[in-house]
Amino acid sequence: MKHTFIATLFGLIGFANASGQQSLPQQQLVVNLSLLDAVQLSQSNNPAVVQARLQAMIAEGAIVSAAGDFDTVLFSELNYNYNESPASGFFSSFGNTVSTSYSASQGIRSNFRSGGNLEFKINEGYDDFNYLAATQSNTSVSVSFTQPLLRGAFSMVATANERKAKLSHNSASLQVSQSSVDAVQSVVDAYWNLSFALSDLGVKQQSLQLAENLRDITIAKFEVGAVAEVEVTQTRADIAARVDAVLVAQNVVDNNHDALRKLVSAFDSQNDWAIDFKLVSELPRATEVVDDWHSAWQRAMSSRADIKKLQDDIESDKIDLEVAASNMRPKLDFTATGNYSAQDRQVGLSLDRLFDRDFPGYTVGFVFELPITDNQHLGAEMQAKNQLLLSKRILRDRGNELAQQVRQALHDVNYYSQRVAVTEHSVNMAELKLQSEQLKLSEGASTNYQVLQIQADLAIAQSQNLQAKTEYAKASVKFETVQGRTPVF
């Protein structure tokens, strides 16, 4: 229900915008946001994920388009022709030669996945010549079939575009998966970066408050002559530096807030920028990961979508090489045609005679071509071979790069788990040291300068501890996403 609550708040902002409230100053809304909420919202709204889904839809359309190579096509053609020319010789007795003719054809044709094609066609013609006593109509029905036997033969070549389109769609779908995993890492990083920025701002504000409290005490002592004026000056100078540190920390908070908004907000309206997030998830407990990097790398090689996409690229290049190798063969096509024809004074009568099948004809043969030089196909085959080698090399290099990333992720998660313990100890020591120095100051055995320095050391130790916890939280997720897995939150 908490996810519905967040969505409702987003909708309320859009409603307020539609109600004519644009002229009013934007009011920041504060929404509780857990890490799980942020991850789920990013899966719907992260720009990279949304764009990857659209690319997959485009690639799906390419499969349908490639299958169109084998669509059956109905065709028809109708022409009228008039021609008048001066007559000579025997035809001069008829005056100028005048001819009027109509021609039409209809039929169907289709390409086969074997690489061949078939066409069935009916032709009608009507001719009227001024030197003939009657009109003349010719009709015919024909069937033609062609099947390549060498170059471009059979389904290996004929279905190349269709197979490549399916591989492209699969790659686009894999990109959606990879973008989804990447989005998880991005939003986790942004969430914990904002968490650190907010906590660090609190550290800076607390340090400022300690200095201001010390200033008030020092001023009271100065007024009764217990300390020199330089102590007041020293304290005020230190406060000025801490005020600047608070301003810097606040700016970091604002920038990290925007970074998180960009990843989780739908931005149906620009009022989404008016939402502030109250982060409610706690940093995870730091523990070392006991795992073998080589096992993690093997899981990554079998799970990561970008690795599978590179493997699809290799398969696509193999198809191109198959086609290029086929094109290097001589052309040898088997052809066969058959027809019936008829003639009469009118088209209808000619068609009636056509069904009598009195005038058949057929042709069977082969078409052979052997280029003397074939640089075009030779160059295409060279390109296809080298492209395949390049794709294999890219996969190999990506595997090595992934091994380095897995090793670094494992090193980082264990390094930061140890650093959390070290920095926590530093914080404890800094707190004890500050308590001791404040006690000495109250007894006149220390100075404001020393107390302020120890206060600053404590703030640094607290920031370092927060930084270590934040980096551990991000590194623990990175160790999962680098293997192509989505962590459980």
Protein backbone atom coordinates (compact mmCIF):
# COMPACT_ATOMS: atom_id res chain seq x y z
CA MET A 1 0.00 0.00 0.00
CA LYS A 2 2.88 2.36 0.58
CA HIS A 3 3.70 2.29 -3.16
CA THR A 4 0.08 3.26 -3.90
CA PHE A 5 0.44 6.10 -1.42
CA ILE A 6 3.46 7.45 -3.29
CA ALA A 7 1.67 7.19 -6.63
CA THR A 8 -1.35 9.02 -5.15
CA LEU A 9 0.87 11.90 -4.02
CA PHE A 10 2.34 12.15 -7.52
CA GLY A 11 -1.20 12.28 -8.91
CA LEU A 12 -2.26 14.99 -6.44
CA ILE A 13 0.56 17.21 -7.68
CA GLY A 14 -0.61 16.79 -11.26
CA PHE A 15 -4.22 17.58 -10.22
CA ALA A 16 -3.12 20.75 -8.47
CA ASN A 17 -1.28 21.82 -11.58
CA ALA A 18 -4.36 21.18 -13.73
CA SER A 19 -6.55 23.18 -11.36
CA GLY A 20 -4.93 26.46 -12.28
CA GLN A 21 -2.44 26.72 -9.42
CA GLN A 22 0.55 27.43 -11.70
CA SER A 23 0.72 31.04 -10.60
CA LEU A 24 1.19 30.07 -6.94
CA PRO A 25 4.64 29.37 -5.52
CA GLN A 26 5.48 25.68 -5.57
CA GLN A 27 5.08 23.99 -2.20
CA GLN A 28 7.55 21.21 -1.48
CA LEU A 29 5.82 17.95 -0.61
CA VAL A 30 7.66 15.49 1.60
CA VAL A 31 7.15 11.82 0.78
CA ASN A 32 8.50 8.88 2.75
CA LEU A 33 10.68 6.85 0.40
CA SER A 34 12.24 3.48 1.14
CA LEU A 35 15.00 1.98 -0.93
CA LEU A 36 12.55 -0.63 -2.27
CA ASP A 37 10.13 2.16 -3.29
CA ALA A 38 12.93 3.93 -5.13
CA VAL A 39 14.00 0.76 -6.97
CA GLN A 40 10.45 -0.07 -8.05
CA LEU A 41 9.76 3.48 -9.23
CA SER A 42 13.01 3.51 -11.19
CA GLN A 43 11.96 0.38 -13.08
CA SER A 44 8.95 2.30 -14.39
CA ASN A 45 10.42 5.77 -14.79
CA ASN A 46 14.18 5.47 -15.35
CA PRO A 47 14.83 7.03 -18.79
CA ALA A 48 17.29 4.32 -19.85
CA VAL A 49 14.82 1.53 -19.01
CA VAL A 50 11.92 3.24 -20.80
CA GLN A 51 14.02 3.88 -23.89
CA ALA A 52 15.29 0.28 -23.92
CA ARG A 53 11.70 -1.01 -23.85
CA LEU A 54 10.81 1.19 -26.82
CA GLN A 55 13.88 -0.07 -28.70
CA ALA A 56 12.72 -3.65 -28.09
CA MET A 57 9.31 -2.78 -29.53
CA ILE A 58 10.99 -1.31 -32.62
CA ALA A 59 13.09 -4.47 -33.01
CA GLU A 60 9.95 -6.61 -32.74
CA GLY A 61 8.50 -4.72 -35.69
CA ALA A 62 11.65 -5.51 -37.66
CA ILE A 63 10.89 -9.26 -37.32
CA VAL A 64 7.47 -8.73 -38.87
CA SER A 65 9.04 -6.64 -41.61
CA ALA A 66 11.68 -9.28 -42.39
CA ALA A 67 8.98 -11.98 -42.66
CA GLY A 68 7.46 -9.80 -45.37
CA ASP A 69 10.13 -11.08 -47.76
CA PHE A 70 7.95 -14.19 -48.11
CA ASP A 71 4.56 -12.51 -48.35
CA THR A 72 2.30 -13.56 -51.21
CA VAL A 73 1.62 -10.60 -53.48
CA LEU A 74 -1.44 -10.04 -55.65
CA PHE A 75 -0.75 -7.81 -58.64
CA SER A 76 -2.72 -6.36 -61.52
CA GLU A 77 -1.97 -4.05 -64.42
CA LEU A 78 -4.19 -2.36 -67.04
CA ASN A 79 -2.98 -0.24 -69.98
CA TYR A 80 -4.60 1.57 -72.91
CA ASN A 81 -2.55 2.46 -75.99
CA TYR A 82 -3.43 4.58 -79.04
CA ASN A 83 -1.01 4.98 -81.93
CA GLU A 84 -1.36 6.68 -85.35
CA SER A 85 1.44 6.70 -87.89
CA PRO A 86 1.85 7.41 -91.66
CA ALA A 87 1.42 4.32 -93.83
CA SER A 88 3.54 3.27 -96.78
CA GLY A 89 3.69 0.37 -99.19
CA PHE A 90 0.84 -2.10 -98.92
CA PHE A 91 -0.71 -0.25 -95.96
CA SER A 92 -0.95 3.05 -97.88
CA SER A 93 -4.27 1.96 -99.35
CA PHE A 94 -5.74 2.04 -95.86
CA GLY A 95 -4.64 5.59 -95.21
CA ASN A 96 -2.71 6.32 -92.04
CA THR A 97 -2.12 3.31 -89.81
CA VAL A 98 -4.19 3.57 -86.65
CA SER A 99 -4.06 1.09 -83.77
CA THR A 100 -5.91 0.95 -80.49
CA SER A 101 -5.05 -1.62 -77.87
CA TYR A 102 -5.80 -2.64 -74.30
CA SER A 103 -3.60 -4.89 -72.22
CA ALA A 104 -4.08 -6.29 -68.76
CA SER A 105 -2.42 -8.80 -66.47
CA GLN A 106 -3.24 -10.22 -63.04
CA GLY A 107 -1.56 -12.76 -60.88
CA ILE A 108 0.18 -13.72 -57.67
CA ARG A 109 3.83 -14.19 -56.78
CA SER A 110 5.78 -15.22 -53.74
CA ASN A 111 9.31 -15.87 -52.55
CA PHE A 112 10.12 -19.12 -50.79
CA ARG A 113 12.39 -19.74 -47.84
CA SER A 114 14.33 -22.05 -50.16
CA GLY A 115 15.50 -18.96 -52.04
CA GLY A 116 13.24 -19.65 -55.03
CA ASN A 117 10.20 -17.78 -56.27
CA LEU A 118 6.96 -18.64 -58.05
CA GLU A 119 4.70 -16.48 -60.19
CA PHE A 120 1.30 -17.23 -61.70
CA LYS A 121 -0.02 -14.69 -64.22
CA ILE A 122 -2.93 -14.23 -66.64
CA ASN A 123 -2.47 -11.82 -69.58
CA GLU A 124 -5.23 -10.31 -71.74
CA GLY A 125 -4.72 -8.17 -74.84
CA TYR A 126 -7.17 -6.48 -77.21
CA ASP A 127 -5.99 -4.92 -80.52
CA ASP A 128 -7.96 -2.94 -83.12
CA PHE A 129 -6.12 -2.11 -86.37
CA ASN A 130 -7.75 -0.04 -89.11
CA TYR A 131 -6.35 -2.34 -91.80
CA LEU A 132 -7.90 -5.50 -90.33
CA ALA A 133 -11.51 -6.52 -90.83
CA ALA A 134 -11.97 -7.59 -87.18
CA THR A 135 -10.41 -6.96 -83.79
CA GLN A 136 -7.93 -9.40 -82.29
CA SER A 137 -7.68 -10.58 -78.69
CA ASN A 138 -4.92 -12.66 -77.16
CA THR A 139 -4.94 -14.32 -73.74
CA SER A 140 -2.46 -16.49 -71.95
CA VAL A 141 -1.85 -18.06 -68.58
CA SER A 142 1.69 -18.69 -67.38
CA VAL A 143 3.54 -20.13 -64.42
CA SER A 144 7.24 -19.47 -63.77
CA PHE A 145 9.50 -20.92 -61.10
CA THR A 146 13.14 -20.13 -60.26
CA GLN A 147 15.32 -21.91 -57.71
CA PRO A 148 18.97 -20.93 -57.04
CA LEU A 149 21.21 -23.98 -56.70
CA LEU A 150 24.54 -22.34 -55.77
CA ARG A 151 24.68 -18.60 -55.09
CA GLY A 152 21.87 -17.54 -52.79
CA ALA A 153 20.56 -21.09 -52.56
CA PHE A 154 18.23 -22.44 -49.92
CA SER A 155 17.10 -21.14 -46.54
CA MET A 156 20.57 -20.36 -45.18
CA VAL A 157 20.63 -17.27 -47.38
CA ALA A 158 16.94 -16.67 -48.01
CA THR A 159 16.07 -16.37 -44.31
CA ALA A 160 19.18 -14.40 -43.32
CA ASN A 161 17.31 -11.11 -42.79
CA GLU A 162 14.62 -12.84 -40.76
CA ARG A 163 17.13 -14.63 -38.52
CA LYS A 164 19.14 -11.43 -38.03
CA ALA A 165 15.94 -9.54 -37.12
CA LYS A 166 15.14 -12.16 -34.45
CA LEU A 167 18.66 -11.87 -33.06
CA SER A 168 18.33 -8.07 -33.02
CA HIS A 169 15.05 -8.34 -31.14
CA ASN A 170 16.60 -10.73 -28.65
CA SER A 171 19.50 -8.31 -28.18
CA ALA A 172 17.06 -5.45 -27.64
CA SER A 173 15.20 -7.52 -25.04
CA LEU A 174 18.50 -8.28 -23.34
CA GLN A 175 19.26 -4.57 -23.32
CA VAL A 176 16.01 -4.03 -21.40
CA SER A 177 17.24 -6.52 -18.80
CA GLN A 178 20.66 -4.90 -18.62
CA SER A 179 19.14 -1.41 -18.36
CA SER A 180 16.90 -2.67 -15.57
CA VAL A 181 19.89 -3.99 -13.60
CA ASP A 182 21.87 -0.82 -14.29
CA ALA A 183 18.88 1.24 -13.14
CA VAL A 184 18.88 -0.63 -9.83
CA GLN A 185 22.52 0.25 -9.27
CA SER A 186 21.97 3.87 -10.31
CA VAL A 187 19.03 4.41 -7.99
CA VAL A 188 20.77 2.61 -5.10
CA ASP A 189 23.78 4.87 -5.55
CA ALA A 190 21.56 7.96 -5.75
CA TYR A 191 19.52 6.91 -2.69
CA TRP A 192 22.54 6.32 -0.48
CA ASN A 193 24.36 9.38 -1.84
CA LEU A 194 21.40 11.49 -0.74
CA SER A 195 21.29 9.64 2.58
CA PHE A 196 24.95 10.44 3.16
CA ALA A 197 24.50 14.06 2.09
CA LEU A 198 21.63 14.52 4.56
CA SER A 199 23.55 12.83 7.40
CA ASP A 200 26.70 14.76 6.60
CA LEU A 201 24.69 17.99 6.65
CA GLY A 202 23.53 16.98 10.13
CA VAL A 203 27.16 16.42 11.19
CA LYS A 204 28.13 19.85 9.90
CA GLN A 205 25.17 21.48 11.65
CA GLN A 206 26.00 19.68 14.90
CA SER A 207 29.61 20.82 14.64
CA LEU A 208 28.41 24.38 14.08
CA GLN A 209 26.13 24.11 17.11
CA LEU A 210 29.06 22.94 19.28
CA ALA A 211 31.12 25.91 18.15
CA GLU A 212 28.24 28.33 18.80
CA ASN A 213 27.73 26.90 22.29
CA LEU A 214 31.45 27.34 22.95
CA ARG A 215 31.24 30.91 21.66
CA ASP A 216 28.41 31.74 24.06
CA ILE A 217 30.38 30.32 27.00
CA THR A 218 33.54 32.14 25.90
CA ILE A 219 31.74 35.47 25.58
CA ALA A 220 30.32 35.05 29.08
CA LYS A 221 33.81 34.34 30.41
CA PHE A 222 35.27 37.31 28.51
CA GLU A 223 32.67 39.66 29.99
CA VAL A 224 33.78 38.71 33.48
CA GLY A 225 37.47 38.86 32.51
CA ALA A 226 38.08 35.13 32.74
CA VAL A 227 39.51 34.79 29.18
CA ALA A 228 41.24 37.00 26.66
CA GLU A 229 39.43 38.53 23.70
CA VAL A 230 41.49 36.40 21.30
CA GLU A 231 39.53 33.36 22.49
CA VAL A 232 36.29 34.99 21.33
CA THR A 233 37.86 35.96 18.00
CA GLN A 234 39.23 32.45 17.46
CA THR A 235 35.82 30.92 18.14
CA ARG A 236 33.98 33.32 15.81
CA ALA A 237 36.48 32.66 13.00
CA ASP A 238 35.96 28.95 13.38
CA ILE A 239 32.17 29.42 13.32
CA ALA A 240 32.44 31.29 10.02
CA ALA A 241 34.29 28.33 8.48
CA ARG A 242 31.67 25.92 9.81
CA VAL A 243 28.82 28.03 8.44
CA ASP A 244 30.48 27.76 5.03
CA ALA A 245 30.77 23.98 5.47
CA VAL A 246 27.02 23.83 6.21
CA LEU A 247 26.27 25.80 3.02
CA VAL A 248 28.44 23.44 0.99
CA ALA A 249 26.75 20.40 2.56
CA GLN A 250 23.29 21.85 1.84
CA ASN A 251 24.22 22.36 -1.80
CA VAL A 252 25.32 18.72 -1.99
CA VAL A 253 21.96 17.68 -0.52
CA ASP A 254 20.06 19.72 -3.13
CA ASN A 255 22.05 18.25 -6.02
CA ASN A 256 21.69 14.68 -4.77
CA HIS A 257 17.98 15.22 -4.23
CA ASP A 258 17.64 16.22 -7.87
CA ALA A 259 19.69 13.22 -8.96
CA LEU A 260 17.30 10.88 -7.14
CA ARG A 261 14.21 12.70 -8.44
CA LYS A 262 15.44 12.24 -12.00
CA LEU A 263 15.62 8.45 -11.57
CA VAL A 264 12.32 7.79 -9.79
CA SER A 265 9.93 10.50 -10.98
CA ALA A 266 7.67 10.15 -14.02
CA PHE A 267 7.88 13.89 -14.81
CA ASP A 268 4.40 13.98 -16.32
CA SER A 269 4.60 17.55 -15.05
CA GLN A 270 7.49 19.69 -13.90
CA ASN A 271 5.86 19.81 -10.47
CA ASP A 272 7.58 16.49 -9.80
CA TRP A 273 10.61 18.61 -8.94
CA ALA A 274 8.57 19.91 -5.98
CA ILE A 275 8.66 16.54 -4.20
CA ASP A 276 11.15 16.04 -1.39
CA PHE A 277 11.95 12.57 -0.18
CA LYS A 278 12.28 11.53 3.43
CA LEU A 279 14.54 8.50 3.27
CA VAL A 280 13.29 5.83 5.66
CA SER A 281 15.61 2.91 4.88
CA GLU A 282 18.55 2.28 7.18
CA LEU A 283 22.07 1.53 6.03
CA PRO A 284 22.79 -2.20 5.99
CA ARG A 285 25.04 -3.83 8.55
CA ALA A 286 28.56 -4.15 7.16
CA THR A 287 29.72 -7.73 6.77
CA GLU A 288 32.48 -9.25 4.68
CA VAL A 289 31.60 -11.34 1.62
CA VAL A 290 33.09 -14.80 1.52
CA ASP A 291 33.16 -15.68 -2.16
CA ASP A 292 35.56 -16.68 -4.90
CA TRP A 293 35.90 -14.02 -7.58
CA HIS A 294 36.27 -16.65 -10.30
CA SER A 295 32.91 -18.21 -9.40
CA ALA A 296 31.32 -14.77 -9.36
CA TRP A 297 32.86 -14.03 -12.76
CA GLN A 298 31.48 -17.25 -14.23
CA ARG A 299 28.02 -16.35 -12.92
CA ALA A 300 28.38 -12.93 -14.52
CA MET A 301 29.44 -14.42 -17.88
CA SER A 302 26.37 -16.66 -17.90
CA SER A 303 23.88 -14.11 -16.52
CA ARG A 304 24.77 -10.64 -17.72
CA ALA A 305 22.57 -9.40 -20.55
CA ASP A 306 25.37 -7.43 -22.21
CA ILE A 307 27.46 -10.62 -22.52
CA LYS A 308 24.52 -12.46 -24.08
CA LYS A 309 24.02 -9.53 -26.45
CA LEU A 310 27.64 -9.80 -27.61
CA GLN A 311 27.08 -13.51 -28.19
CA ASP A 312 24.07 -12.63 -30.34
CA ASP A 313 26.26 -10.22 -32.29
CA ILE A 314 28.60 -13.12 -33.07
CA GLU A 315 25.69 -15.24 -34.31
CA SER A 316 24.52 -12.34 -36.49
CA ASP A 317 28.01 -11.98 -37.95
CA LYS A 318 28.07 -15.72 -38.70
CA ILE A 319 24.90 -15.28 -40.73
CA ASP A 320 26.54 -12.44 -42.69
CA LEU A 321 29.55 -14.66 -43.34
CA GLU A 322 27.30 -17.50 -44.56
CA VAL A 323 25.63 -15.13 -47.01
CA ALA A 324 28.96 -13.68 -48.15
CA ALA A 325 30.40 -17.19 -48.69
CA SER A 326 27.31 -18.17 -50.70
CA ASN A 327 27.69 -15.10 -52.89
CA MET A 328 31.21 -16.21 -53.79
CA ARG A 329 29.79 -19.25 -55.61
CA PRO A 330 28.89 -19.15 -59.31
CA LYS A 331 25.29 -18.39 -60.11
CA LEU A 332 23.35 -21.51 -61.13
CA ASP A 333 19.58 -21.17 -61.15
CA PHE A 334 17.04 -23.74 -62.23
CA THR A 335 14.16 -22.16 -64.18
CA ALA A 336 10.90 -23.60 -65.43
CA THR A 337 7.94 -21.94 -67.15
CA GLY A 338 4.68 -23.23 -68.56
CA ASN A 339 1.86 -21.51 -70.43
CA TYR A 340 -1.31 -21.84 -72.44
CA SER A 341 -2.40 -19.24 -75.01
CA ALA A 342 -5.49 -18.55 -77.12
CA GLN A 343 -6.76 -15.99 -79.67
CA ASP A 344 -10.14 -14.72 -80.87
CA ARG A 345 -11.94 -11.52 -81.82
CA GLN A 346 -12.96 -10.58 -78.24
CA VAL A 347 -11.30 -11.09 -74.88
CA GLY A 348 -14.16 -13.16 -73.54
CA LEU A 349 -14.09 -15.52 -76.50
CA SER A 350 -10.33 -15.80 -76.25
CA LEU A 351 -10.60 -16.75 -72.57
CA ASP A 352 -13.11 -19.48 -73.48
CA ARG A 353 -10.63 -20.91 -75.95
CA LEU A 354 -7.88 -20.69 -73.33
CA PHE A 355 -9.67 -23.25 -71.17
CA ASP A 356 -9.50 -25.70 -74.06
CA ARG A 357 -5.70 -25.77 -73.53
CA ASP A 358 -5.08 -26.16 -77.25
CA PHE A 359 -1.79 -24.24 -77.34
CA PRO A 360 0.51 -25.29 -74.52
CA GLY A 361 4.15 -24.35 -74.08
CA TYR A 362 6.88 -24.86 -71.51
CA THR A 363 10.53 -24.14 -70.93
CA VAL A 364 12.99 -25.83 -68.58
CA GLY A 365 16.58 -24.67 -68.22
CA PHE A 366 19.46 -23.39 -66.17
CA VAL A 367 21.04 -19.95 -65.84
CA PHE A 368 24.78 -19.93 -65.17
CA GLU A 369 27.06 -16.98 -64.40
CA LEU A 370 30.71 -16.99 -63.41
CA PRO A 371 32.26 -13.55 -62.85
CA ILE A 372 35.77 -13.22 -64.28
CA THR A 373 36.58 -10.88 -61.41
CA ASP A 374 34.31 -10.66 -58.38
CA ASN A 375 35.79 -7.94 -56.21
CA GLN A 376 32.40 -6.92 -54.84
CA HIS A 377 31.63 -10.28 -53.26
CA LEU A 378 35.29 -10.94 -52.39
CA GLY A 379 35.42 -7.69 -50.43
CA ALA A 380 32.09 -8.46 -48.73
CA GLU A 381 33.42 -11.86 -47.61
CA MET A 382 36.59 -10.26 -46.24
CA GLN A 383 34.51 -7.75 -44.32
CA ALA A 384 32.25 -10.47 -42.91
CA LYS A 385 35.22 -12.60 -41.77
CA ASN A 386 36.93 -9.70 -40.06
CA GLN A 387 33.69 -8.47 -38.50
CA LEU A 388 33.22 -11.92 -36.98
CA LEU A 389 36.78 -11.83 -35.63
CA LEU A 390 36.13 -8.37 -34.22
CA SER A 391 32.93 -9.45 -32.46
CA LYS A 392 34.71 -12.44 -30.92
CA ARG A 393 37.51 -10.15 -29.76
CA ILE A 394 35.03 -7.69 -28.26
CA LEU A 395 33.41 -10.54 -26.31
CA ARG A 396 36.82 -11.75 -25.11
CA ASP A 397 37.88 -8.27 -24.02
CA ARG A 398 34.53 -7.62 -22.36
CA GLY A 399 34.97 -10.86 -20.42
CA ASN A 400 38.36 -9.70 -19.17
CA GLU A 401 36.94 -6.29 -18.30
CA LEU A 402 34.12 -7.98 -16.44
CA ALA A 403 36.62 -10.09 -14.49
CA GLN A 404 38.31 -6.89 -13.34
CA GLN A 405 34.94 -5.37 -12.38
CA VAL A 406 33.94 -8.47 -10.40
CA ARG A 407 37.27 -8.51 -8.58
CA GLN A 408 36.99 -4.80 -7.79
CA ALA A 409 33.40 -5.21 -6.55
CA LEU A 410 34.50 -8.03 -4.24
CA HIS A 411 37.50 -6.04 -3.02
CA ASP A 412 35.36 -2.95 -2.40
CA VAL A 413 32.65 -4.66 -0.39
CA ASN A 414 35.21 -6.29 1.91
CA TYR A 415 37.34 -3.14 2.11
CA TYR A 416 34.42 -0.93 3.13
CA SER A 417 33.12 -3.52 5.62
CA GLN A 418 36.49 -3.30 7.37
CA ARG A 419 36.63 0.47 7.04
CA VAL A 420 33.24 0.83 8.73
CA ALA A 421 34.64 -0.86 11.85
CA VAL A 422 37.79 1.28 11.78
CA THR A 423 35.91 4.58 11.36
CA GLU A 424 33.41 3.68 14.08
CA HIS A 425 36.34 3.23 16.45
CA SER A 426 37.72 6.59 15.31
CA VAL A 427 34.38 8.26 16.12
CA ASN A 428 34.33 6.72 19.58
CA MET A 429 37.87 7.89 20.28
CA ALA A 430 37.12 11.39 18.98
CA GLU A 431 34.05 11.66 21.21
CA LEU A 432 36.04 10.58 24.27
CA LYS A 433 38.83 13.00 23.39
CA LEU A 434 36.36 15.88 23.04
CA GLN A 435 34.77 15.10 26.41
CA SER A 436 38.21 15.05 28.02
CA GLU A 437 39.29 18.31 26.38
CA GLN A 438 36.03 20.06 27.35
CA LEU A 439 36.61 18.98 30.95
CA LYS A 440 40.15 20.37 30.82
CA LEU A 441 38.81 23.61 29.36
CA SER A 442 36.33 23.97 32.20
CA GLU A 443 39.23 23.57 34.62
CA GLY A 444 41.38 26.09 32.72
CA ALA A 445 43.85 23.48 31.49
CA SER A 446 42.99 23.88 27.77
CA THR A 447 42.11 26.56 25.23
CA ASN A 448 39.27 27.20 22.81
CA TYR A 449 41.61 26.52 19.91
CA GLN A 450 42.30 23.00 21.12
CA VAL A 451 38.62 22.28 21.77
CA LEU A 452 37.61 23.63 18.36
CA GLN A 453 40.27 21.49 16.69
CA ILE A 454 39.02 18.37 18.45
CA GLN A 455 35.43 19.27 17.51
CA ALA A 456 36.55 19.47 13.89
CA ASP A 457 38.33 16.13 14.21
CA LEU A 458 35.12 14.59 15.53
CA ALA A 459 33.11 15.97 12.60
CA ILE A 460 35.67 14.55 10.17
CA ALA A 461 35.56 11.15 11.88
CA GLN A 462 31.76 11.12 11.81
CA SER A 463 31.71 12.05 8.10
CA GLN A 464 34.27 9.37 7.30
CA ASN A 465 32.20 6.78 9.16
CA LEU A 466 29.06 7.82 7.30
CA GLN A 467 30.99 7.74 4.02
CA ALA A 468 32.30 4.23 4.74
CA LYS A 469 28.80 2.95 5.58
CA THR A 470 27.39 4.56 2.45
CA GLU A 471 30.10 3.13 0.20
CA TYR A 472 29.60 -0.29 1.74
CA ALA A 473 25.86 -0.11 1.02
CA LYS A 474 26.55 0.74 -2.61
CA ALA A 475 29.36 -1.80 -2.96
CA SER A 476 27.25 -4.66 -1.58
CA VAL A 477 24.66 -4.01 -4.28
CA LYS A 478 27.35 -3.55 -6.92
CA PHE A 479 28.68 -7.03 -6.18
CA GLU A 480 25.26 -8.39 -7.16
CA THR A 481 24.53 -6.17 -10.18
CA VAL A 482 27.99 -6.70 -11.66
CA GLN A 483 27.00 -10.39 -11.88
CA GLY A 484 23.80 -9.43 -13.70
CA ARG A 485 21.62 -10.17 -10.67
CA THR A 486 19.03 -7.94 -9.01
CA PRO A 487 19.51 -7.82 -5.21
CA VAL A 488 16.69 -8.53 -2.80
CA PHE A 489 15.86 -5.44 -0.74
